[in-house]
Amino acid sequence: WNKYFDDGVFYSCYALIYRNADFNKSFKDYLESLHGVLRQK
């Protein structure tokens, strides 16, 4: 994962879900996409 994306930036994004409703939805959509790949596998 770290070869593709920095943990520090990722967790800063994660913190925003508690303060920004629109970002919360965007972040949830992103996570659900990853869940979908695992579910398919």
All heavy atoms as atom14 arrays in JSON, in Angstrom:
{
  "sequence": "WNKYFDDGVFYSCYALIYRNADFNKSFKDYLESLHGVLRQK",
  "atom14_mask": [
    [1, 1, 1, 1, 1, 1, 1, 1, 1, 1, 1, 1, 1, 1],
    [1, 1, 1, 1, 1, 1, 1, 1, 0, 0, 0, 0, 0, 0],
    [1, 1, 1, 1, 1, 1, 1, 1, 1, 0, 0, 0, 0, 0],
    [1, 1, 1, 1, 1, 1, 1, 1, 1, 1, 1, 1, 0, 0],
    [1, 1, 1, 1, 1, 1, 1, 1, 1, 1, 1, 0, 0, 0],
    [1, 1, 1, 1, 1, 1, 1, 1, 0, 0, 0, 0, 0, 0],
    [1, 1, 1, 1, 1, 1, 1, 1, 0, 0, 0, 0, 0, 0],
    [1, 1, 1, 1, 0, 0, 0, 0, 0, 0, 0, 0, 0, 0],
    [1, 1, 1, 1, 1, 1, 1, 0, 0, 0, 0, 0, 0, 0],
    [1, 1, 1, 1, 1, 1, 1, 1, 1, 1, 1, 0, 0, 0],
    [1, 1, 1, 1, 1, 1, 1, 1, 1, 1, 1, 1, 0, 0],
    [1, 1, 1, 1, 1, 1, 0, 0, 0, 0, 0, 0, 0, 0],
    [1, 1, 1, 1, 1, 1, 0, 0, 0, 0, 0, 0, 0, 0],
    [1, 1, 1, 1, 1, 1, 1, 1, 1, 1, 1, 1, 0, 0],
    [1, 1, 1, 1, 1, 0, 0, 0, 0, 0, 0, 0, 0, 0],
    [1, 1, 1, 1, 1, 1, 1, 1, 0, 0, 0, 0, 0, 0],
    [1, 1, 1, 1, 1, 1, 1, 1, 0, 0, 0, 0, 0, 0],
    [1, 1, 1, 1, 1, 1, 1, 1, 1, 1, 1, 1, 0, 0],
    [1, 1, 1, 1, 1, 1, 1, 1, 1, 1, 1, 0, 0, 0],
    [1, 1, 1, 1, 1, 1, 1, 1, 0, 0, 0, 0, 0, 0],
    [1, 1, 1, 1, 1, 0, 0, 0, 0, 0, 0, 0, 0, 0],
    [1, 1, 1, 1, 1, 1, 1, 1, 0, 0, 0, 0, 0, 0],
    [1, 1, 1, 1, 1, 1, 1, 1, 1, 1, 1, 0, 0, 0],
    [1, 1, 1, 1, 1, 1, 1, 1, 0, 0, 0, 0, 0, 0],
    [1, 1, 1, 1, 1, 1, 1, 1, 1, 0, 0, 0, 0, 0],
    [1, 1, 1, 1, 1, 1, 0, 0, 0, 0, 0, 0, 0, 0],
    [1, 1, 1, 1, 1, 1, 1, 1, 1, 1, 1, 0, 0, 0],
    [1, 1, 1, 1, 1, 1, 1, 1, 1, 0, 0, 0, 0, 0],
    [1, 1, 1, 1, 1, 1, 1, 1, 0, 0, 0, 0, 0, 0],
    [1, 1, 1, 1, 1, 1, 1, 1, 1, 1, 1, 1, 0, 0],
    [1, 1, 1, 1, 1, 1, 1, 1, 0, 0, 0, 0, 0, 0],
    [1, 1, 1, 1, 1, 1, 1, 1, 1, 0, 0, 0, 0, 0],
    [1, 1, 1, 1, 1, 1, 0, 0, 0, 0, 0, 0, 0, 0],
    [1, 1, 1, 1, 1, 1, 1, 1, 0, 0, 0, 0, 0, 0],
    [1, 1, 1, 1, 1, 1, 1, 1, 1, 1, 0, 0, 0, 0],
    [1, 1, 1, 1, 0, 0, 0, 0, 0, 0, 0, 0, 0, 0],
    [1, 1, 1, 1, 1, 1, 1, 0, 0, 0, 0, 0, 0, 0],
    [1, 1, 1, 1, 1, 1, 1, 1, 0, 0, 0, 0, 0, 0],
    [1, 1, 1, 1, 1, 1, 1, 1, 1, 1, 1, 0, 0, 0],
    [1, 1, 1, 1, 1, 1, 1, 1, 1, 0, 0, 0, 0, 0],
    [1, 1, 1, 1, 1, 1, 1, 1, 1, 0, 0, 0, 0, 0]
  ],
  "atom14_positions": [
    [[0.83, -1.21, 0.0], [0.0, 0.0, 0.0], [0.86, 1.26, 0.0], [0.57, 2.24, -0.67], [-0.9, 0.03, 1.24], [-1.83, -1.11, 1.39], [-1.59, -2.3, 2.01], [-3.18, -1.21, 0.93], [-2.69, -3.12, 1.96], [-3.69, -2.46, 1.31], [-4.01, -0.32, 0.24], [-4.99, -2.87, 1.02], [-5.31, -0.73, -0.05], [-5.78, -1.98, 0.33]],
    [[1.95, 1.23, 0.78], [2.78, 2.43, 0.95], [3.53, 2.82, -0.31], [4.0, 3.94, -0.44], [3.77, 2.24, 2.09], [3.08, 2.16, 3.44], [2.5, 1.13, 3.76], [3.1, 3.23, 4.2], [0.0, 0.0, 0.0], [0.0, 0.0, 0.0], [0.0, 0.0, 0.0], [0.0, 0.0, 0.0], [0.0, 0.0, 0.0], [0.0, 0.0, 0.0]],
    [[3.67, 1.87, -1.24], [4.32, 2.2, -2.51], [3.41, 3.08, -3.36], [3.86, 3.75, -4.27], [4.65, 0.91, -3.28], [5.7, 0.04, -2.6], [5.96, -1.21, -3.42], [6.98, -2.11, -2.74], [7.22, -3.36, -3.52], [0.0, 0.0, 0.0], [0.0, 0.0, 0.0], [0.0, 0.0, 0.0], [0.0, 0.0, 0.0], [0.0, 0.0, 0.0]],
    [[2.12, 3.05, -3.05], [1.15, 3.78, -3.86], [0.6, 5.02, -3.17], [0.18, 5.96, -3.83], [-0.02, 2.86, -4.22], [0.36, 1.75, -5.16], [0.68, 0.49, -4.67], [0.4, 1.96, -6.54], [1.04, -0.54, -5.55], [0.76, 0.95, -7.4], [1.07, -0.3, -6.9], [1.43, -1.31, -7.75], [0.0, 0.0, 0.0], [0.0, 0.0, 0.0]],
    [[0.59, 4.99, -1.82], [-0.01, 6.13, -1.13], [0.55, 6.28, 0.27], [0.8, 5.29, 0.96], [-1.54, 6.0, -1.07], [-2.24, 7.32, -0.98], [-2.43, 8.08, -2.12], [-2.65, 7.82, 0.22], [-3.05, 9.32, -2.05], [-3.27, 9.05, 0.31], [-3.47, 9.8, -0.84], [0.0, 0.0, 0.0], [0.0, 0.0, 0.0], [0.0, 0.0, 0.0]],
    [[0.71, 7.53, 0.69], [1.32, 7.84, 1.98], [0.31, 7.68, 3.12], [-0.81, 8.2, 3.05], [1.85, 9.28, 1.95], [2.46, 9.7, 3.26], [3.56, 9.19, 3.58], [1.84, 10.54, 3.94], [0.0, 0.0, 0.0], [0.0, 0.0, 0.0], [0.0, 0.0, 0.0], [0.0, 0.0, 0.0], [0.0, 0.0, 0.0], [0.0, 0.0, 0.0]],
    [[0.71, 6.97, 4.18], [-0.19, 6.75, 5.32], [-0.61, 8.05, 5.99], [-1.75, 8.2, 6.42], [0.51, 5.85, 6.37], [0.48, 4.38, 5.97], [-0.28, 4.04, 5.06], [1.22, 3.59, 6.59], [0.0, 0.0, 0.0], [0.0, 0.0, 0.0], [0.0, 0.0, 0.0], [0.0, 0.0, 0.0], [0.0, 0.0, 0.0], [0.0, 0.0, 0.0]],
    [[0.33, 8.99, 6.1], [0.03, 10.25, 6.77], [-1.08, 11.01, 6.08], [-2.0, 11.55, 6.73], [0.0, 0.0, 0.0], [0.0, 0.0, 0.0], [0.0, 0.0, 0.0], [0.0, 0.0, 0.0], [0.0, 0.0, 0.0], [0.0, 0.0, 0.0], [0.0, 0.0, 0.0], [0.0, 0.0, 0.0], [0.0, 0.0, 0.0], [0.0, 0.0, 0.0]],
    [[-1.05, 11.06, 4.74], [-2.1, 11.75, 3.99], [-3.41, 10.97, 4.11], [-4.47, 11.56, 4.3], [-1.7, 11.88, 2.51], [-2.84, 12.53, 1.71], [-0.43, 12.71, 2.37], [0.0, 0.0, 0.0], [0.0, 0.0, 0.0], [0.0, 0.0, 0.0], [0.0, 0.0, 0.0], [0.0, 0.0, 0.0], [0.0, 0.0, 0.0], [0.0, 0.0, 0.0]],
    [[-3.32, 9.64, 4.04], [-4.52, 8.82, 4.13], [-5.26, 9.06, 5.45], [-6.48, 9.26, 5.47], [-4.18, 7.34, 3.99], [-5.36, 6.43, 4.17], [-6.26, 6.23, 3.14], [-5.59, 5.81, 5.39], [-7.36, 5.41, 3.31], [-6.7, 4.99, 5.57], [-7.59, 4.78, 4.51], [0.0, 0.0, 0.0], [0.0, 0.0, 0.0], [0.0, 0.0, 0.0]],
    [[-4.53, 9.05, 6.57], [-5.2, 9.2, 7.86], [-5.64, 10.64, 8.11], [-6.56, 10.88, 8.88], [-4.31, 8.67, 8.99], [-4.3, 7.16, 9.0], [-3.17, 6.43, 8.7], [-5.47, 6.46, 9.29], [-3.19, 5.04, 8.69], [-5.5, 5.07, 9.29], [-4.36, 4.37, 8.98], [-4.39, 3.0, 8.95], [0.0, 0.0, 0.0], [0.0, 0.0, 0.0]],
    [[-5.0, 11.6, 7.44], [-5.51, 12.97, 7.5], [-6.87, 13.05, 6.8], [-7.79, 13.73, 7.26], [-4.53, 13.94, 6.84], [-3.35, 14.06, 7.59], [0.0, 0.0, 0.0], [0.0, 0.0, 0.0], [0.0, 0.0, 0.0], [0.0, 0.0, 0.0], [0.0, 0.0, 0.0], [0.0, 0.0, 0.0], [0.0, 0.0, 0.0], [0.0, 0.0, 0.0]],
    [[-6.97, 12.32, 5.68], [-8.26, 12.25, 4.98], [-9.3, 11.58, 5.86], [-10.45, 12.02, 5.95], [-8.1, 11.45, 3.68], [-7.19, 12.28, 2.37], [0.0, 0.0, 0.0], [0.0, 0.0, 0.0], [0.0, 0.0, 0.0], [0.0, 0.0, 0.0], [0.0, 0.0, 0.0], [0.0, 0.0, 0.0], [0.0, 0.0, 0.0], [0.0, 0.0, 0.0]],
    [[-8.87, 10.52, 6.53], [-9.79, 9.77, 7.39], [-10.37, 10.68, 8.48], [-11.55, 10.61, 8.8], [-9.04, 8.6, 8.02], [-9.9, 7.67, 8.84], [-10.66, 6.68, 8.23], [-9.98, 7.8, 10.21], [-11.46, 5.83, 8.98], [-10.77, 6.96, 10.98], [-11.52, 5.97, 10.35], [-12.31, 5.15, 11.1], [0.0, 0.0, 0.0], [0.0, 0.0, 0.0]],
    [[-9.53, 11.54, 9.04], [-9.99, 12.43, 10.11], [-11.06, 13.4, 9.63], [-11.94, 13.81, 10.4], [-8.81, 13.22, 10.68], [0.0, 0.0, 0.0], [0.0, 0.0, 0.0], [0.0, 0.0, 0.0], [0.0, 0.0, 0.0], [0.0, 0.0, 0.0], [0.0, 0.0, 0.0], [0.0, 0.0, 0.0], [0.0, 0.0, 0.0], [0.0, 0.0, 0.0]],
    [[-11.03, 13.74, 8.33], [-11.99, 14.7, 7.79], [-13.42, 14.16, 7.72], [-14.36, 14.94, 7.61], [-11.55, 15.12, 6.38], [-10.35, 16.06, 6.3], [-9.96, 16.29, 4.84], [-10.66, 17.39, 6.97], [0.0, 0.0, 0.0], [0.0, 0.0, 0.0], [0.0, 0.0, 0.0], [0.0, 0.0, 0.0], [0.0, 0.0, 0.0], [0.0, 0.0, 0.0]],
    [[-13.6, 12.85, 7.78], [-14.95, 12.31, 7.68], [-15.81, 12.73, 8.86], [-17.04, 12.7, 8.79], [-14.95, 10.77, 7.56], [-14.48, 10.11, 8.86], [-14.11, 10.33, 6.38], [-14.6, 8.6, 8.85], [0.0, 0.0, 0.0], [0.0, 0.0, 0.0], [0.0, 0.0, 0.0], [0.0, 0.0, 0.0], [0.0, 0.0, 0.0], [0.0, 0.0, 0.0]],
    [[-15.16, 13.14, 9.97], [-15.9, 13.56, 11.16], [-16.26, 15.05, 11.12], [-17.05, 15.52, 11.93], [-15.09, 13.28, 12.42], [-14.77, 11.81, 12.59], [-13.52, 11.31, 12.26], [-15.73, 10.92, 13.06], [-13.23, 9.95, 12.4], [-15.45, 9.57, 13.2], [-14.2, 9.09, 12.87], [-13.91, 7.76, 13.0], [0.0, 0.0, 0.0], [0.0, 0.0, 0.0]],
    [[-15.68, 15.78, 10.16], [-15.9, 17.22, 10.12], [-16.56, 17.72, 8.84], [-16.99, 18.87, 8.78], [-14.55, 17.95, 10.3], [-13.83, 17.62, 11.58], [-12.74, 18.65, 11.89], [-11.72, 18.73, 10.87], [-10.61, 18.01, 10.88], [-10.39, 17.13, 11.86], [-9.71, 18.13, 9.94], [0.0, 0.0, 0.0], [0.0, 0.0, 0.0], [0.0, 0.0, 0.0]],
    [[-16.6, 16.86, 7.83], [-17.09, 17.3, 6.53], [-18.04, 16.24, 5.97], [-17.61, 15.16, 5.57], [-15.89, 17.52, 5.58], [-16.3, 18.12, 4.26], [-17.25, 17.69, 3.64], [-15.54, 19.12, 3.81], [0.0, 0.0, 0.0], [0.0, 0.0, 0.0], [0.0, 0.0, 0.0], [0.0, 0.0, 0.0], [0.0, 0.0, 0.0], [0.0, 0.0, 0.0]],
    [[-19.33, 16.55, 5.92], [-20.34, 15.57, 5.51], [-20.14, 15.11, 4.07], [-20.28, 13.92, 3.76], [-21.74, 16.17, 5.68], [0.0, 0.0, 0.0], [0.0, 0.0, 0.0], [0.0, 0.0, 0.0], [0.0, 0.0, 0.0], [0.0, 0.0, 0.0], [0.0, 0.0, 0.0], [0.0, 0.0, 0.0], [0.0, 0.0, 0.0], [0.0, 0.0, 0.0]],
    [[-19.83, 16.05, 3.16], [-19.62, 15.68, 1.76], [-18.41, 14.77, 1.61], [-18.43, 13.8, 0.84], [-19.44, 16.93, 0.89], [-20.74, 17.7, 0.72], [-21.81, 17.08, 0.91], [-20.68, 18.89, 0.39], [0.0, 0.0, 0.0], [0.0, 0.0, 0.0], [0.0, 0.0, 0.0], [0.0, 0.0, 0.0], [0.0, 0.0, 0.0], [0.0, 0.0, 0.0]],
    [[-17.35, 15.11, 2.34], [-16.14, 14.28, 2.27], [-16.41, 12.91, 2.88], [-15.88, 11.9, 2.42], [-14.98, 14.97, 3.01], [-13.67, 14.28, 2.8], [-12.94, 14.49, 1.65], [-13.17, 13.4, 3.75], [-11.73, 13.85, 1.45], [-11.96, 12.75, 3.55], [-11.24, 12.98, 2.39], [0.0, 0.0, 0.0], [0.0, 0.0, 0.0], [0.0, 0.0, 0.0]],
    [[-17.23, 12.87, 3.92], [-17.6, 11.6, 4.54], [-18.21, 10.67, 3.5], [-17.84, 9.5, 3.41], [-18.6, 11.87, 5.68], [-18.98, 10.6, 6.44], [-19.43, 9.63, 5.86], [-18.8, 10.63, 7.74], [0.0, 0.0, 0.0], [0.0, 0.0, 0.0], [0.0, 0.0, 0.0], [0.0, 0.0, 0.0], [0.0, 0.0, 0.0], [0.0, 0.0, 0.0]],
    [[-19.13, 11.19, 2.71], [-19.77, 10.37, 1.68], [-18.77, 9.92, 0.63], [-18.76, 8.76, 0.2], [-20.9, 11.15, 1.01], [-21.67, 10.32, -0.02], [-22.74, 11.14, -0.7], [-23.53, 10.26, -1.7], [-22.66, 9.57, -2.66], [0.0, 0.0, 0.0], [0.0, 0.0, 0.0], [0.0, 0.0, 0.0], [0.0, 0.0, 0.0], [0.0, 0.0, 0.0]],
    [[-17.9, 10.84, 0.21], [-16.9, 10.52, -0.8], [-15.95, 9.43, -0.3], [-15.61, 8.49, -1.02], [-16.11, 11.78, -1.16], [-15.08, 11.49, -2.08], [0.0, 0.0, 0.0], [0.0, 0.0, 0.0], [0.0, 0.0, 0.0], [0.0, 0.0, 0.0], [0.0, 0.0, 0.0], [0.0, 0.0, 0.0], [0.0, 0.0, 0.0], [0.0, 0.0, 0.0]],
    [[-15.55, 9.54, 0.96], [-14.62, 8.58, 1.54], [-15.31, 7.22, 1.7], [-14.7, 6.17, 1.46], [-14.13, 9.08, 2.9], [-12.86, 8.44, 3.38], [-11.63, 8.85, 2.9], [-12.9, 7.42, 4.32], [-10.46, 8.27, 3.35], [-11.73, 6.83, 4.77], [-10.51, 7.25, 4.29], [0.0, 0.0, 0.0], [0.0, 0.0, 0.0], [0.0, 0.0, 0.0]],
    [[-16.57, 7.25, 2.08], [-17.33, 5.99, 2.23], [-17.47, 5.3, 0.88], [-17.34, 4.07, 0.79], [-18.7, 6.27, 2.83], [-19.5, 5.01, 3.11], [-20.85, 5.32, 3.75], [-21.62, 4.04, 4.02], [-22.96, 4.32, 4.61], [0.0, 0.0, 0.0], [0.0, 0.0, 0.0], [0.0, 0.0, 0.0], [0.0, 0.0, 0.0], [0.0, 0.0, 0.0]],
    [[-17.75, 6.07, -0.17], [-17.86, 5.5, -1.51], [-16.56, 4.82, -1.92], [-16.56, 3.75, -2.54], [-18.22, 6.58, -2.53], [-19.65, 7.08, -2.38], [-20.44, 6.4, -1.71], [-19.95, 8.16, -2.92], [0.0, 0.0, 0.0], [0.0, 0.0, 0.0], [0.0, 0.0, 0.0], [0.0, 0.0, 0.0], [0.0, 0.0, 0.0], [0.0, 0.0, 0.0]],
    [[-15.44, 5.47, -1.57], [-14.13, 4.91, -1.88], [-13.92, 3.58, -1.16], [-13.51, 2.57, -1.75], [-13.05, 5.92, -1.5], [-11.81, 5.35, -0.88], [-10.9, 4.61, -1.63], [-11.54, 5.55, 0.47], [-9.77, 4.07, -1.04], [-10.42, 5.02, 1.06], [-9.53, 4.28, 0.3], [-8.43, 3.75, 0.89], [0.0, 0.0, 0.0], [0.0, 0.0, 0.0]],
    [[-14.26, 3.54, 0.14], [-14.1, 2.31, 0.92], [-15.0, 1.2, 0.4], [-14.6, 0.03, 0.33], [-14.39, 2.58, 2.4], [-13.35, 3.42, 3.15], [-13.83, 3.69, 4.57], [-11.99, 2.72, 3.18], [0.0, 0.0, 0.0], [0.0, 0.0, 0.0], [0.0, 0.0, 0.0], [0.0, 0.0, 0.0], [0.0, 0.0, 0.0], [0.0, 0.0, 0.0]],
    [[-16.22, 1.57, 0.02], [-17.15, 0.56, -0.49], [-16.67, -0.03, -1.81], [-16.92, -1.2, -2.11], [-18.54, 1.17, -0.64], [-19.23, 1.4, 0.7], [-20.62, 2.0, 0.57], [-20.96, 2.46, -0.55], [-21.36, 2.01, 1.57], [0.0, 0.0, 0.0], [0.0, 0.0, 0.0], [0.0, 0.0, 0.0], [0.0, 0.0, 0.0], [0.0, 0.0, 0.0]],
    [[-15.95, 0.75, -2.59], [-15.36, 0.23, -3.83], [-14.33, -0.85, -3.52], [-14.27, -1.88, -4.2], [-14.72, 1.36, -4.64], [-15.67, 2.29, -5.08], [0.0, 0.0, 0.0], [0.0, 0.0, 0.0], [0.0, 0.0, 0.0], [0.0, 0.0, 0.0], [0.0, 0.0, 0.0], [0.0, 0.0, 0.0], [0.0, 0.0, 0.0], [0.0, 0.0, 0.0]],
    [[-13.5, -0.6, -2.51], [-12.51, -1.61, -2.11], [-13.19, -2.85, -1.56], [-12.79, -3.98, -1.85], [-11.56, -1.02, -1.06], [-10.62, 0.08, -1.51], [-9.7, 0.49, -0.37], [-9.77, -0.37, -2.7], [0.0, 0.0, 0.0], [0.0, 0.0, 0.0], [0.0, 0.0, 0.0], [0.0, 0.0, 0.0], [0.0, 0.0, 0.0], [0.0, 0.0, 0.0]],
    [[-14.23, -2.65, -0.75], [-14.98, -3.78, -0.22], [-15.55, -4.62, -1.37], [-15.57, -5.85, -1.29], [-16.12, -3.29, 0.67], [-15.67, -2.76, 1.99], [-16.46, -2.82, 3.12], [-14.52, -2.18, 2.38], [-15.81, -2.29, 4.14], [-14.64, -1.88, 3.7], [0.0, 0.0, 0.0], [0.0, 0.0, 0.0], [0.0, 0.0, 0.0], [0.0, 0.0, 0.0]],
    [[-16.01, -3.93, -2.41], [-16.6, -4.63, -3.55], [-15.61, -5.54, -4.24], [-15.97, -6.64, -4.68], [0.0, 0.0, 0.0], [0.0, 0.0, 0.0], [0.0, 0.0, 0.0], [0.0, 0.0, 0.0], [0.0, 0.0, 0.0], [0.0, 0.0, 0.0], [0.0, 0.0, 0.0], [0.0, 0.0, 0.0], [0.0, 0.0, 0.0], [0.0, 0.0, 0.0]],
    [[-14.34, -5.11, -4.33], [-13.32, -5.95, -4.96], [-13.08, -7.21, -4.13], [-13.04, -8.32, -4.66], [-11.99, -5.18, -5.14], [-10.91, -6.11, -5.66], [-12.18, -4.01, -6.09], [0.0, 0.0, 0.0], [0.0, 0.0, 0.0], [0.0, 0.0, 0.0], [0.0, 0.0, 0.0], [0.0, 0.0, 0.0], [0.0, 0.0, 0.0], [0.0, 0.0, 0.0]],
    [[-12.94, -7.05, -2.81], [-12.74, -8.21, -1.95], [-13.94, -9.15, -2.03], [-13.79, -10.37, -2.11], [-12.5, -7.78, -0.5], [-12.41, -8.92, 0.52], [-11.29, -9.89, 0.16], [-12.21, -8.37, 1.93], [0.0, 0.0, 0.0], [0.0, 0.0, 0.0], [0.0, 0.0, 0.0], [0.0, 0.0, 0.0], [0.0, 0.0, 0.0], [0.0, 0.0, 0.0]],
    [[-15.14, -8.57, -1.99], [-16.35, -9.39, -2.07], [-16.37, -10.21, -3.36], [-16.71, -11.4, -3.36], [-17.58, -8.46, -2.01], [-18.89, -9.19, -1.82], [-20.05, -8.21, -1.73], [-19.88, -7.3, -0.6], [-19.65, -5.99, -0.72], [-19.54, -5.44, -1.92], [-19.51, -5.23, 0.34], [0.0, 0.0, 0.0], [0.0, 0.0, 0.0], [0.0, 0.0, 0.0]],
    [[-15.96, -9.58, -4.47], [-15.92, -10.28, -5.74], [-14.9, -11.42, -5.7], [-15.18, -12.52, -6.2], [-15.54, -9.3, -6.86], [-15.4, -9.95, -8.23], [-14.85, -8.99, -9.27], [-14.79, -7.78, -9.06], [-14.43, -9.53, -10.39], [0.0, 0.0, 0.0], [0.0, 0.0, 0.0], [0.0, 0.0, 0.0], [0.0, 0.0, 0.0], [0.0, 0.0, 0.0]],
    [[-13.73, -11.18, -5.1], [-12.71, -12.21, -5.01], [-13.2, -13.41, -4.19], [-12.97, -14.57, -4.55], [-11.44, -11.65, -4.37], [-10.75, -10.54, -5.14], [-10.16, -11.04, -6.44], [-9.37, -9.94, -7.14], [-8.87, -10.37, -8.46], [0.0, 0.0, 0.0], [0.0, 0.0, 0.0], [0.0, 0.0, 0.0], [0.0, 0.0, 0.0], [0.0, 0.0, 0.0]]
  ]
}
